[in-house]
Protein backbone atom coordinates (compact mmCIF):
# COMPACT_ATOMS: atom_id res chain seq x y z
CA MET A 1 50.35 163.36 145.94
CA HIS A 2 48.73 160.68 148.04
CA LEU A 3 49.96 157.11 147.90
CA ALA A 4 46.44 155.87 147.10
CA TYR A 5 46.44 157.25 143.53
CA PRO A 6 49.40 155.25 142.16
CA ALA A 7 48.36 152.22 144.23
CA VAL A 8 44.87 152.21 142.70
CA LEU A 9 46.30 152.75 139.21
CA ALA A 10 48.74 149.88 139.77
CA ALA A 11 45.90 147.65 140.96
CA LEU A 12 43.88 148.48 137.83
CA LEU A 13 46.90 147.77 135.60
CA PHE A 14 47.56 144.48 137.37
CA CYS A 15 43.92 143.38 137.12
CA THR A 16 43.86 144.27 133.42
CA GLY A 17 47.02 142.23 132.87
CA LEU A 18 45.63 139.31 134.87
CA TYR A 19 42.45 139.34 132.81
CA GLY A 20 44.55 139.37 129.64
CA VAL A 21 46.60 136.38 130.79
CA LEU A 22 43.50 134.37 131.73
CA ALA A 23 41.22 135.32 128.84
CA ARG A 24 43.47 135.67 125.79
CA ARG A 25 44.34 132.82 123.49
CA ASN A 26 47.04 134.49 121.42
CA ALA A 27 50.48 133.97 122.94
CA ILE A 28 51.70 137.45 122.01
CA LEU A 29 48.74 139.07 123.77
CA VAL A 30 49.50 136.92 126.83
CA LEU A 31 53.08 138.25 126.82
CA MET A 32 51.78 141.81 126.56
CA SER A 33 49.48 141.16 129.53
CA VAL A 34 52.42 139.90 131.57
CA GLU A 35 54.20 143.16 130.73
CA LEU A 36 51.21 145.11 132.07
CA MET A 37 51.44 143.17 135.32
CA LEU A 38 55.17 143.87 135.61
CA ASN A 39 54.57 147.57 134.96
CA ALA A 40 52.02 147.62 137.76
CA VAL A 41 54.67 146.19 140.08
CA ASN A 42 57.15 148.85 138.89
CA LEU A 43 54.64 151.59 139.60
CA ASN A 44 54.14 150.27 143.12
CA LEU A 45 57.90 150.03 143.70
CA VAL A 46 58.50 153.63 142.67
CA ALA A 47 55.45 154.98 144.52
CA PHE A 48 56.30 153.25 147.78
CA ASP A 49 59.95 154.25 147.42
CA ALA A 50 58.97 157.91 147.06
CA TRP A 51 56.55 157.64 149.98
CA LEU A 52 59.02 155.89 152.28
CA SER A 53 61.95 158.15 151.37
CA ARG A 54 59.87 161.23 152.24
CA ALA A 55 58.86 159.72 155.57
CA ALA A 56 62.35 158.54 156.57
CA GLU A 57 64.37 161.19 154.69
CA ASP A 58 66.36 158.38 153.09
CA THR A 59 68.17 158.93 149.79
CA LEU A 60 68.88 155.29 148.93
CA HIS A 61 65.95 154.88 146.46
CA SER A 62 66.02 151.10 146.52
CA GLY A 63 62.51 150.90 145.01
CA GLN A 64 63.66 152.72 141.90
CA ALA A 65 66.71 150.45 141.61
CA LEU A 66 64.45 147.39 141.86
CA ALA A 67 62.20 148.88 139.19
CA LEU A 68 65.18 149.20 136.85
CA PHE A 69 66.08 145.54 137.44
CA THR A 70 62.47 144.58 136.77
CA ILE A 71 62.49 146.52 133.51
CA ALA A 72 65.68 144.75 132.42
CA ILE A 73 64.24 141.34 133.28
CA ALA A 74 60.98 142.20 131.47
CA ALA A 75 62.90 143.18 128.34
CA ALA A 76 64.79 139.89 128.38
CA GLU A 77 61.55 137.99 129.00
CA ILE A 78 59.86 139.65 126.04
CA GLY A 79 62.83 138.95 123.77
CA ILE A 80 63.05 135.28 124.68
CA GLY A 81 59.28 134.84 124.82
CA LEU A 82 58.79 136.38 121.40
CA ALA A 83 61.54 134.17 119.96
CA ILE A 84 59.83 131.08 121.40
CA VAL A 85 56.41 132.17 120.10
CA LEU A 86 57.82 132.77 116.61
CA ALA A 87 59.57 129.38 116.59
CA VAL A 88 56.38 127.62 117.71
CA TYR A 89 54.37 129.53 115.10
CA ARG A 90 56.77 128.39 112.37
CA ASN A 91 56.57 124.76 113.48
CA ARG A 92 52.87 124.48 114.34
CA GLY A 93 51.31 127.25 112.25
CA THR A 94 49.39 128.79 115.14
CA SER A 95 50.01 130.87 118.24
CA ASP A 96 46.72 129.89 119.89
CA VAL A 97 47.59 128.84 123.43
CA ASP A 98 44.73 126.32 123.70
CA ARG A 99 45.71 124.51 120.50
CA LEU A 100 49.35 124.46 121.59
CA ARG A 101 48.37 122.85 124.88
CA ASP A 102 46.36 120.20 123.01
CA THR A 103 49.27 119.36 120.72
CA ALA A 104 51.64 119.19 123.68
CA GLU A 105 49.41 116.58 125.30
CA GLY A 106 49.40 114.47 122.15
CA HIS A 107 45.79 115.26 121.25
CA ASP A 108 45.07 116.39 117.73
CA PRO A 109 41.39 117.40 117.44
CA ASP A 110 41.46 116.71 113.70
CA ASP A 111 42.84 113.17 114.14
CA PRO A 112 40.13 110.53 113.43
CA ASP A 113 42.18 107.86 115.25
CA SER A 114 41.81 109.49 118.65
CA ASP A 115 38.95 108.95 121.06
CA ALA A 116 37.21 111.50 123.31
CA THR A 117 40.00 111.36 125.92
CA GLY A 118 42.60 112.40 123.39
CA LEU A 119 44.46 109.10 123.45
CA ALA A 120 45.14 107.31 120.20
CA LEU A 121 43.07 104.20 119.64
CA PRO A 122 45.02 100.96 119.29
CA ALA A 123 45.31 99.57 115.80
CA PRO A 124 43.71 96.16 115.24
CA ALA A 125 46.02 93.15 115.14
CA ALA A 126 46.93 91.55 111.82
CA GLY A 127 44.21 88.86 111.86
CA GLU A 128 41.45 90.79 113.67
CA LYS A 129 38.61 92.78 112.20
CA ALA A 130 38.13 96.36 113.28
CA GLU A 131 35.01 96.63 115.43
CA ALA A 132 32.47 99.22 114.41
CA THR A 133 31.53 101.48 117.29
CA ALA A 134 28.20 103.23 117.14
C-alpha cells in the first residue's frame, strides 16, 4: 500500500477534528474533536513507521510505540477532561464553551448592572442620585 493513502486519511481526520474544535460550542464535542486529531497523529505514526521499517529493514517499530504512548495520554486526557466538564456543568449548569468563557471573564450577559464591555457599573454613592442613561 502506498504511503499517500493513510497520509490523506490522516489529513482528513485532522481537518475534521480541527473544524470540530473551532466550530463546536459543547465542551464534550470539543474533547471528541481533539481525540480525532490525536487519532490522525497515531495513523501517521504507524504509517510512517511501516514505510520506514520496510525501507531500512529495521525492526524497532518506534512509531508504533509512540502511538501506544499517545493512546495512553489521550485516554488520560479524556478522563480528566470529562471530569472537569462534569464538574463545571454541575456548578454552572451549562457546558457551552462560549458561556463558560464569558463567566470566567466576569461578564454575565443576564446581569443588568453590567455595561457593554462586560464590566460591572459602579454603584452610586450614599448621597448621590443614580443618573439615567438613555
